[in-house]
Amino acid sequence: HDLIFKESDHFIENTSSIMISTVFILITSSLTLEVLKSV
């Protein structure tokens, strides 16, 4: 029943957008210049 889960779906979409953006920042910030040069 889509309408029952509408708020949950919106919450998941918004949380996913925030977390995905955060993950990209965390992942790229964890890569050191030396490792990137070697890879």
All heavy atoms as atom14 arrays in JSON, in Angstrom:
{
  "sequence": "HDLIFKESDHFIENTSSIMISTVFILITSSLTLEVLKSV",
  "atom14_mask": [
    [1, 1, 1, 1, 1, 1, 1, 1, 1, 1, 0, 0, 0, 0],
    [1, 1, 1, 1, 1, 1, 1, 1, 0, 0, 0, 0, 0, 0],
    [1, 1, 1, 1, 1, 1, 1, 1, 0, 0, 0, 0, 0, 0],
    [1, 1, 1, 1, 1, 1, 1, 1, 0, 0, 0, 0, 0, 0],
    [1, 1, 1, 1, 1, 1, 1, 1, 1, 1, 1, 0, 0, 0],
    [1, 1, 1, 1, 1, 1, 1, 1, 1, 0, 0, 0, 0, 0],
    [1, 1, 1, 1, 1, 1, 1, 1, 1, 0, 0, 0, 0, 0],
    [1, 1, 1, 1, 1, 1, 0, 0, 0, 0, 0, 0, 0, 0],
    [1, 1, 1, 1, 1, 1, 1, 1, 0, 0, 0, 0, 0, 0],
    [1, 1, 1, 1, 1, 1, 1, 1, 1, 1, 0, 0, 0, 0],
    [1, 1, 1, 1, 1, 1, 1, 1, 1, 1, 1, 0, 0, 0],
    [1, 1, 1, 1, 1, 1, 1, 1, 0, 0, 0, 0, 0, 0],
    [1, 1, 1, 1, 1, 1, 1, 1, 1, 0, 0, 0, 0, 0],
    [1, 1, 1, 1, 1, 1, 1, 1, 0, 0, 0, 0, 0, 0],
    [1, 1, 1, 1, 1, 1, 1, 0, 0, 0, 0, 0, 0, 0],
    [1, 1, 1, 1, 1, 1, 0, 0, 0, 0, 0, 0, 0, 0],
    [1, 1, 1, 1, 1, 1, 0, 0, 0, 0, 0, 0, 0, 0],
    [1, 1, 1, 1, 1, 1, 1, 1, 0, 0, 0, 0, 0, 0],
    [1, 1, 1, 1, 1, 1, 1, 1, 0, 0, 0, 0, 0, 0],
    [1, 1, 1, 1, 1, 1, 1, 1, 0, 0, 0, 0, 0, 0],
    [1, 1, 1, 1, 1, 1, 0, 0, 0, 0, 0, 0, 0, 0],
    [1, 1, 1, 1, 1, 1, 1, 0, 0, 0, 0, 0, 0, 0],
    [1, 1, 1, 1, 1, 1, 1, 0, 0, 0, 0, 0, 0, 0],
    [1, 1, 1, 1, 1, 1, 1, 1, 1, 1, 1, 0, 0, 0],
    [1, 1, 1, 1, 1, 1, 1, 1, 0, 0, 0, 0, 0, 0],
    [1, 1, 1, 1, 1, 1, 1, 1, 0, 0, 0, 0, 0, 0],
    [1, 1, 1, 1, 1, 1, 1, 1, 0, 0, 0, 0, 0, 0],
    [1, 1, 1, 1, 1, 1, 1, 0, 0, 0, 0, 0, 0, 0],
    [1, 1, 1, 1, 1, 1, 0, 0, 0, 0, 0, 0, 0, 0],
    [1, 1, 1, 1, 1, 1, 0, 0, 0, 0, 0, 0, 0, 0],
    [1, 1, 1, 1, 1, 1, 1, 1, 0, 0, 0, 0, 0, 0],
    [1, 1, 1, 1, 1, 1, 1, 0, 0, 0, 0, 0, 0, 0],
    [1, 1, 1, 1, 1, 1, 1, 1, 0, 0, 0, 0, 0, 0],
    [1, 1, 1, 1, 1, 1, 1, 1, 1, 0, 0, 0, 0, 0],
    [1, 1, 1, 1, 1, 1, 1, 0, 0, 0, 0, 0, 0, 0],
    [1, 1, 1, 1, 1, 1, 1, 1, 0, 0, 0, 0, 0, 0],
    [1, 1, 1, 1, 1, 1, 1, 1, 1, 0, 0, 0, 0, 0],
    [1, 1, 1, 1, 1, 1, 0, 0, 0, 0, 0, 0, 0, 0],
    [1, 1, 1, 1, 1, 1, 1, 0, 0, 0, 0, 0, 0, 0]
  ],
  "atom14_positions": [
    [[0.85, -1.18, 0.0], [0.0, 0.0, 0.0], [0.89, 1.24, 0.0], [1.39, 1.67, 1.03], [-0.93, -0.01, 1.21], [-1.73, -1.28, 1.32], [-2.74, -1.59, 0.43], [-1.65, -2.33, 2.18], [-3.26, -2.77, 0.76], [-2.61, -3.24, 1.81], [0.0, 0.0, 0.0], [0.0, 0.0, 0.0], [0.0, 0.0, 0.0], [0.0, 0.0, 0.0]],
    [[1.06, 1.81, -1.17], [2.04, 2.88, -1.34], [1.79, 4.07, -0.45], [2.72, 4.67, 0.09], [2.08, 3.33, -2.8], [2.73, 2.27, -3.68], [3.17, 1.25, -3.15], [2.78, 2.49, -4.87], [0.0, 0.0, 0.0], [0.0, 0.0, 0.0], [0.0, 0.0, 0.0], [0.0, 0.0, 0.0], [0.0, 0.0, 0.0], [0.0, 0.0, 0.0]],
    [[0.51, 4.48, -0.3], [0.22, 5.67, 0.47], [0.6, 5.5, 1.94], [0.99, 6.46, 2.6], [-1.27, 6.03, 0.34], [-1.71, 6.5, -1.05], [-3.2, 6.78, -1.05], [-0.95, 7.76, -1.45], [0.0, 0.0, 0.0], [0.0, 0.0, 0.0], [0.0, 0.0, 0.0], [0.0, 0.0, 0.0], [0.0, 0.0, 0.0], [0.0, 0.0, 0.0]],
    [[0.49, 4.28, 2.46], [0.85, 4.03, 3.84], [2.34, 4.28, 4.04], [2.78, 4.8, 5.06], [0.49, 2.59, 4.24], [-1.04, 2.4, 4.2], [1.02, 2.24, 5.63], [-1.49, 0.99, 4.48], [0.0, 0.0, 0.0], [0.0, 0.0, 0.0], [0.0, 0.0, 0.0], [0.0, 0.0, 0.0], [0.0, 0.0, 0.0], [0.0, 0.0, 0.0]],
    [[3.14, 3.92, 3.04], [4.59, 4.02, 3.17], [5.14, 5.31, 2.55], [6.35, 5.44, 2.4], [5.26, 2.81, 2.49], [5.08, 1.53, 3.24], [4.01, 0.7, 2.98], [5.98, 1.16, 4.22], [3.84, -0.48, 3.67], [5.83, -0.03, 4.91], [4.75, -0.85, 4.64], [0.0, 0.0, 0.0], [0.0, 0.0, 0.0], [0.0, 0.0, 0.0]],
    [[4.26, 6.24, 2.19], [4.72, 7.43, 1.48], [5.72, 8.23, 2.32], [6.77, 8.64, 1.84], [3.52, 8.29, 1.1], [3.86, 9.48, 0.22], [4.48, 9.03, -1.09], [3.52, 8.25, -1.95], [4.13, 7.86, -3.23], [0.0, 0.0, 0.0], [0.0, 0.0, 0.0], [0.0, 0.0, 0.0], [0.0, 0.0, 0.0], [0.0, 0.0, 0.0]],
    [[5.39, 8.47, 3.6], [6.3, 9.23, 4.45], [7.62, 8.48, 4.63], [8.7, 9.09, 4.64], [5.66, 9.48, 5.81], [4.58, 10.57, 5.8], [4.22, 11.01, 7.21], [5.15, 11.26, 8.0], [3.03, 11.09, 7.51], [0.0, 0.0, 0.0], [0.0, 0.0, 0.0], [0.0, 0.0, 0.0], [0.0, 0.0, 0.0], [0.0, 0.0, 0.0]],
    [[7.53, 7.16, 4.78], [8.74, 6.35, 4.94], [9.61, 6.43, 3.69], [10.84, 6.57, 3.78], [8.35, 4.9, 5.24], [9.5, 4.09, 5.33], [0.0, 0.0, 0.0], [0.0, 0.0, 0.0], [0.0, 0.0, 0.0], [0.0, 0.0, 0.0], [0.0, 0.0, 0.0], [0.0, 0.0, 0.0], [0.0, 0.0, 0.0], [0.0, 0.0, 0.0]],
    [[8.96, 6.35, 2.5], [9.72, 6.43, 1.25], [10.42, 7.78, 1.1], [11.57, 7.84, 0.68], [8.79, 6.18, 0.06], [8.3, 4.74, 0.0], [8.93, 3.89, 0.65], [7.29, 4.47, -0.68], [0.0, 0.0, 0.0], [0.0, 0.0, 0.0], [0.0, 0.0, 0.0], [0.0, 0.0, 0.0], [0.0, 0.0, 0.0], [0.0, 0.0, 0.0]],
    [[9.7, 8.86, 1.43], [10.31, 10.19, 1.36], [11.49, 10.31, 2.32], [12.53, 10.89, 1.99], [9.27, 11.26, 1.67], [8.26, 11.44, 0.57], [7.06, 12.09, 0.76], [8.26, 11.06, -0.73], [6.37, 12.08, -0.37], [7.08, 11.46, -1.28], [0.0, 0.0, 0.0], [0.0, 0.0, 0.0], [0.0, 0.0, 0.0], [0.0, 0.0, 0.0]],
    [[11.31, 9.77, 3.53], [12.39, 9.81, 4.52], [13.62, 9.07, 4.01], [14.75, 9.55, 4.13], [11.9, 9.2, 5.83], [12.95, 9.07, 6.88], [13.35, 10.17, 7.63], [13.56, 7.84, 7.13], [14.34, 10.04, 8.6], [14.54, 7.72, 8.1], [14.93, 8.82, 8.84], [0.0, 0.0, 0.0], [0.0, 0.0, 0.0], [0.0, 0.0, 0.0]],
    [[13.39, 7.88, 3.42], [14.5, 7.07, 2.91], [15.21, 7.8, 1.77], [16.44, 7.83, 1.7], [13.99, 5.69, 2.46], [13.55, 4.88, 3.67], [15.06, 4.94, 1.68], [12.82, 3.61, 3.31], [0.0, 0.0, 0.0], [0.0, 0.0, 0.0], [0.0, 0.0, 0.0], [0.0, 0.0, 0.0], [0.0, 0.0, 0.0], [0.0, 0.0, 0.0]],
    [[14.43, 8.42, 0.86], [15.02, 9.13, -0.27], [15.88, 10.3, 0.21], [17.01, 10.5, -0.25], [13.92, 9.64, -1.21], [13.22, 8.53, -2.0], [12.05, 9.05, -2.78], [11.85, 10.29, -2.8], [11.3, 8.24, -3.37], [0.0, 0.0, 0.0], [0.0, 0.0, 0.0], [0.0, 0.0, 0.0], [0.0, 0.0, 0.0], [0.0, 0.0, 0.0]],
    [[15.33, 11.09, 1.15], [16.07, 12.25, 1.65], [17.3, 11.83, 2.43], [18.38, 12.42, 2.27], [15.15, 13.11, 2.53], [14.0, 13.73, 1.77], [14.11, 13.96, 0.56], [12.89, 13.99, 2.43], [0.0, 0.0, 0.0], [0.0, 0.0, 0.0], [0.0, 0.0, 0.0], [0.0, 0.0, 0.0], [0.0, 0.0, 0.0], [0.0, 0.0, 0.0]],
    [[17.14, 10.8, 3.28], [18.29, 10.32, 4.06], [19.36, 9.75, 3.14], [20.55, 9.97, 3.36], [17.82, 9.24, 5.06], [16.76, 9.76, 5.86], [18.96, 8.83, 5.97], [0.0, 0.0, 0.0], [0.0, 0.0, 0.0], [0.0, 0.0, 0.0], [0.0, 0.0, 0.0], [0.0, 0.0, 0.0], [0.0, 0.0, 0.0], [0.0, 0.0, 0.0]],
    [[18.92, 9.01, 2.1], [19.89, 8.43, 1.16], [20.69, 9.52, 0.46], [21.92, 9.39, 0.3], [19.17, 7.57, 0.13], [18.49, 6.51, 0.75], [0.0, 0.0, 0.0], [0.0, 0.0, 0.0], [0.0, 0.0, 0.0], [0.0, 0.0, 0.0], [0.0, 0.0, 0.0], [0.0, 0.0, 0.0], [0.0, 0.0, 0.0], [0.0, 0.0, 0.0]],
    [[20.01, 10.59, 0.03], [20.72, 11.69, -0.65], [21.77, 12.3, 0.25], [22.91, 12.55, -0.17], [19.71, 12.76, -1.09], [18.77, 12.24, -1.99], [0.0, 0.0, 0.0], [0.0, 0.0, 0.0], [0.0, 0.0, 0.0], [0.0, 0.0, 0.0], [0.0, 0.0, 0.0], [0.0, 0.0, 0.0], [0.0, 0.0, 0.0], [0.0, 0.0, 0.0]],
    [[21.4, 12.53, 1.53], [22.34, 13.13, 2.47], [23.5, 12.19, 2.74], [24.68, 12.59, 2.73], [21.62, 13.5, 3.79], [20.58, 14.59, 3.52], [22.62, 13.96, 4.84], [19.67, 14.87, 4.7], [0.0, 0.0, 0.0], [0.0, 0.0, 0.0], [0.0, 0.0, 0.0], [0.0, 0.0, 0.0], [0.0, 0.0, 0.0], [0.0, 0.0, 0.0]],
    [[23.18, 10.9, 2.97], [24.24, 9.94, 3.32], [25.16, 9.66, 2.15], [26.37, 9.5, 2.33], [23.59, 8.66, 3.83], [22.84, 8.84, 5.14], [22.16, 7.3, 5.79], [23.65, 6.48, 6.33], [0.0, 0.0, 0.0], [0.0, 0.0, 0.0], [0.0, 0.0, 0.0], [0.0, 0.0, 0.0], [0.0, 0.0, 0.0], [0.0, 0.0, 0.0]],
    [[24.59, 9.58, 0.93], [25.43, 9.34, -0.25], [26.41, 10.5, -0.45], [27.59, 10.29, -0.73], [24.55, 9.13, -1.49], [23.87, 7.75, -1.44], [25.38, 9.23, -2.78], [22.84, 7.54, -2.53], [0.0, 0.0, 0.0], [0.0, 0.0, 0.0], [0.0, 0.0, 0.0], [0.0, 0.0, 0.0], [0.0, 0.0, 0.0], [0.0, 0.0, 0.0]],
    [[25.9, 11.73, -0.29], [26.78, 12.89, -0.42], [27.87, 12.85, 0.64], [29.04, 13.15, 0.37], [25.96, 14.18, -0.28], [24.91, 14.22, -1.22], [0.0, 0.0, 0.0], [0.0, 0.0, 0.0], [0.0, 0.0, 0.0], [0.0, 0.0, 0.0], [0.0, 0.0, 0.0], [0.0, 0.0, 0.0], [0.0, 0.0, 0.0], [0.0, 0.0, 0.0]],
    [[27.47, 12.48, 1.86], [28.45, 12.4, 2.95], [29.49, 11.33, 2.69], [30.69, 11.53, 2.93], [27.72, 12.12, 4.28], [26.71, 13.09, 4.5], [28.69, 12.15, 5.45], [0.0, 0.0, 0.0], [0.0, 0.0, 0.0], [0.0, 0.0, 0.0], [0.0, 0.0, 0.0], [0.0, 0.0, 0.0], [0.0, 0.0, 0.0], [0.0, 0.0, 0.0]],
    [[29.03, 10.18, 2.19], [29.95, 9.07, 1.9], [30.98, 9.48, 0.85], [32.17, 9.19, 1.0], [29.15, 7.83, 1.43], [30.08, 6.81, 0.78], [28.43, 7.2, 2.61], [0.0, 0.0, 0.0], [0.0, 0.0, 0.0], [0.0, 0.0, 0.0], [0.0, 0.0, 0.0], [0.0, 0.0, 0.0], [0.0, 0.0, 0.0], [0.0, 0.0, 0.0]],
    [[30.53, 10.18, -0.21], [31.48, 10.63, -1.23], [32.54, 11.55, -0.62], [33.73, 11.44, -0.94], [30.73, 11.36, -2.35], [30.34, 10.47, -3.49], [29.01, 10.26, -3.81], [31.32, 9.84, -4.24], [28.65, 9.43, -4.86], [30.97, 9.01, -5.3], [29.64, 8.8, -5.61], [0.0, 0.0, 0.0], [0.0, 0.0, 0.0], [0.0, 0.0, 0.0]],
    [[32.11, 12.45, 0.24], [33.07, 13.37, 0.88], [34.04, 12.6, 1.76], [35.26, 12.82, 1.72], [32.31, 14.44, 1.7], [31.48, 15.33, 0.77], [33.29, 15.29, 2.5], [30.55, 16.28, 1.48], [0.0, 0.0, 0.0], [0.0, 0.0, 0.0], [0.0, 0.0, 0.0], [0.0, 0.0, 0.0], [0.0, 0.0, 0.0], [0.0, 0.0, 0.0]],
    [[33.51, 11.68, 2.59], [34.37, 10.92, 3.49], [35.35, 10.03, 2.73], [36.53, 9.93, 3.1], [33.5, 10.05, 4.42], [32.65, 10.81, 5.45], [31.75, 9.84, 6.2], [33.54, 11.56, 6.43], [0.0, 0.0, 0.0], [0.0, 0.0, 0.0], [0.0, 0.0, 0.0], [0.0, 0.0, 0.0], [0.0, 0.0, 0.0], [0.0, 0.0, 0.0]],
    [[34.86, 9.4, 1.67], [35.72, 8.5, 0.91], [36.85, 9.26, 0.23], [38.03, 8.89, 0.31], [34.9, 7.7, -0.12], [34.01, 6.68, 0.59], [35.81, 6.99, -1.12], [33.05, 5.95, -0.32], [0.0, 0.0, 0.0], [0.0, 0.0, 0.0], [0.0, 0.0, 0.0], [0.0, 0.0, 0.0], [0.0, 0.0, 0.0], [0.0, 0.0, 0.0]],
    [[36.49, 10.34, -0.46], [37.53, 11.1, -1.17], [38.5, 11.77, -0.2], [39.69, 11.9, -0.5], [36.88, 12.17, -2.06], [35.96, 12.95, -1.28], [36.13, 11.53, -3.22], [0.0, 0.0, 0.0], [0.0, 0.0, 0.0], [0.0, 0.0, 0.0], [0.0, 0.0, 0.0], [0.0, 0.0, 0.0], [0.0, 0.0, 0.0], [0.0, 0.0, 0.0]],
    [[38.01, 12.19, 0.97], [38.91, 12.83, 1.94], [39.87, 11.83, 2.58], [40.92, 12.2, 3.11], [38.1, 13.53, 3.03], [37.34, 12.59, 3.77], [0.0, 0.0, 0.0], [0.0, 0.0, 0.0], [0.0, 0.0, 0.0], [0.0, 0.0, 0.0], [0.0, 0.0, 0.0], [0.0, 0.0, 0.0], [0.0, 0.0, 0.0], [0.0, 0.0, 0.0]],
    [[39.47, 10.54, 2.56], [40.34, 9.51, 3.15], [41.46, 9.07, 2.21], [42.36, 8.35, 2.62], [39.5, 8.3, 3.57], [38.97, 7.66, 2.43], [0.0, 0.0, 0.0], [0.0, 0.0, 0.0], [0.0, 0.0, 0.0], [0.0, 0.0, 0.0], [0.0, 0.0, 0.0], [0.0, 0.0, 0.0], [0.0, 0.0, 0.0], [0.0, 0.0, 0.0]],
    [[41.37, 9.48, 0.95], [42.39, 9.09, -0.02], [43.55, 10.08, 0.03], [43.38, 11.27, -0.23], [41.8, 9.06, -1.44], [40.62, 8.09, -1.66], [40.06, 8.27, -3.07], [41.05, 6.65, -1.42], [0.0, 0.0, 0.0], [0.0, 0.0, 0.0], [0.0, 0.0, 0.0], [0.0, 0.0, 0.0], [0.0, 0.0, 0.0], [0.0, 0.0, 0.0]],
    [[44.71, 9.58, 0.39], [45.88, 10.47, 0.45], [46.46, 10.66, -0.95], [46.23, 9.85, -1.86], [46.96, 9.86, 1.37], [47.4, 8.61, 0.8], [46.4, 9.61, 2.77], [0.0, 0.0, 0.0], [0.0, 0.0, 0.0], [0.0, 0.0, 0.0], [0.0, 0.0, 0.0], [0.0, 0.0, 0.0], [0.0, 0.0, 0.0], [0.0, 0.0, 0.0]],
    [[47.22, 11.73, -1.11], [47.82, 12.04, -2.41], [48.79, 10.95, -2.83], [48.88, 10.61, -4.01], [48.53, 13.4, -2.33], [49.08, 13.95, -3.65], [47.95, 14.16, -4.65], [49.81, 15.27, -3.4], [0.0, 0.0, 0.0], [0.0, 0.0, 0.0], [0.0, 0.0, 0.0], [0.0, 0.0, 0.0], [0.0, 0.0, 0.0], [0.0, 0.0, 0.0]],
    [[49.52, 10.38, -1.86], [50.49, 9.33, -2.19], [49.79, 8.08, -2.75], [50.23, 7.48, -3.73], [51.3, 8.95, -0.94], [52.28, 10.02, -0.46], [51.58, 11.19, 0.21], [50.39, 11.02, 0.61], [52.18, 12.27, 0.32], [0.0, 0.0, 0.0], [0.0, 0.0, 0.0], [0.0, 0.0, 0.0], [0.0, 0.0, 0.0], [0.0, 0.0, 0.0]],
    [[48.66, 7.71, -2.1], [47.93, 6.53, -2.56], [47.35, 6.77, -3.94], [47.4, 5.9, -4.82], [46.82, 6.17, -1.55], [45.91, 5.07, -2.11], [47.41, 5.73, -0.23], [0.0, 0.0, 0.0], [0.0, 0.0, 0.0], [0.0, 0.0, 0.0], [0.0, 0.0, 0.0], [0.0, 0.0, 0.0], [0.0, 0.0, 0.0], [0.0, 0.0, 0.0]],
    [[46.79, 7.98, -4.15], [46.21, 8.29, -5.46], [47.27, 8.25, -6.56], [47.03, 7.75, -7.66], [45.55, 9.67, -5.42], [44.19, 9.75, -4.72], [43.73, 11.19, -4.64], [43.16, 8.9, -5.46], [0.0, 0.0, 0.0], [0.0, 0.0, 0.0], [0.0, 0.0, 0.0], [0.0, 0.0, 0.0], [0.0, 0.0, 0.0], [0.0, 0.0, 0.0]],
    [[48.46, 8.79, -6.27], [49.53, 8.78, -7.26], [49.95, 7.36, -7.6], [50.24, 7.04, -8.76], [50.73, 9.57, -6.73], [50.54, 11.09, -6.77], [51.78, 11.79, -6.25], [51.62, 13.31, -6.33], [52.81, 14.02, -5.78], [0.0, 0.0, 0.0], [0.0, 0.0, 0.0], [0.0, 0.0, 0.0], [0.0, 0.0, 0.0], [0.0, 0.0, 0.0]],
    [[50.0, 6.49, -6.58], [50.43, 5.11, -6.83], [49.36, 4.31, -7.56], [49.67, 3.36, -8.29], [50.77, 4.43, -5.5], [49.62, 4.4, -4.65], [0.0, 0.0, 0.0], [0.0, 0.0, 0.0], [0.0, 0.0, 0.0], [0.0, 0.0, 0.0], [0.0, 0.0, 0.0], [0.0, 0.0, 0.0], [0.0, 0.0, 0.0], [0.0, 0.0, 0.0]],
    [[48.07, 4.69, -7.36], [46.97, 3.95, -8.0], [46.72, 4.44, -9.42], [46.51, 3.64, -10.34], [45.68, 4.06, -7.15], [44.49, 3.53, -7.92], [45.84, 3.3, -5.85], [0.0, 0.0, 0.0], [0.0, 0.0, 0.0], [0.0, 0.0, 0.0], [0.0, 0.0, 0.0], [0.0, 0.0, 0.0], [0.0, 0.0, 0.0], [0.0, 0.0, 0.0]]
  ]
}
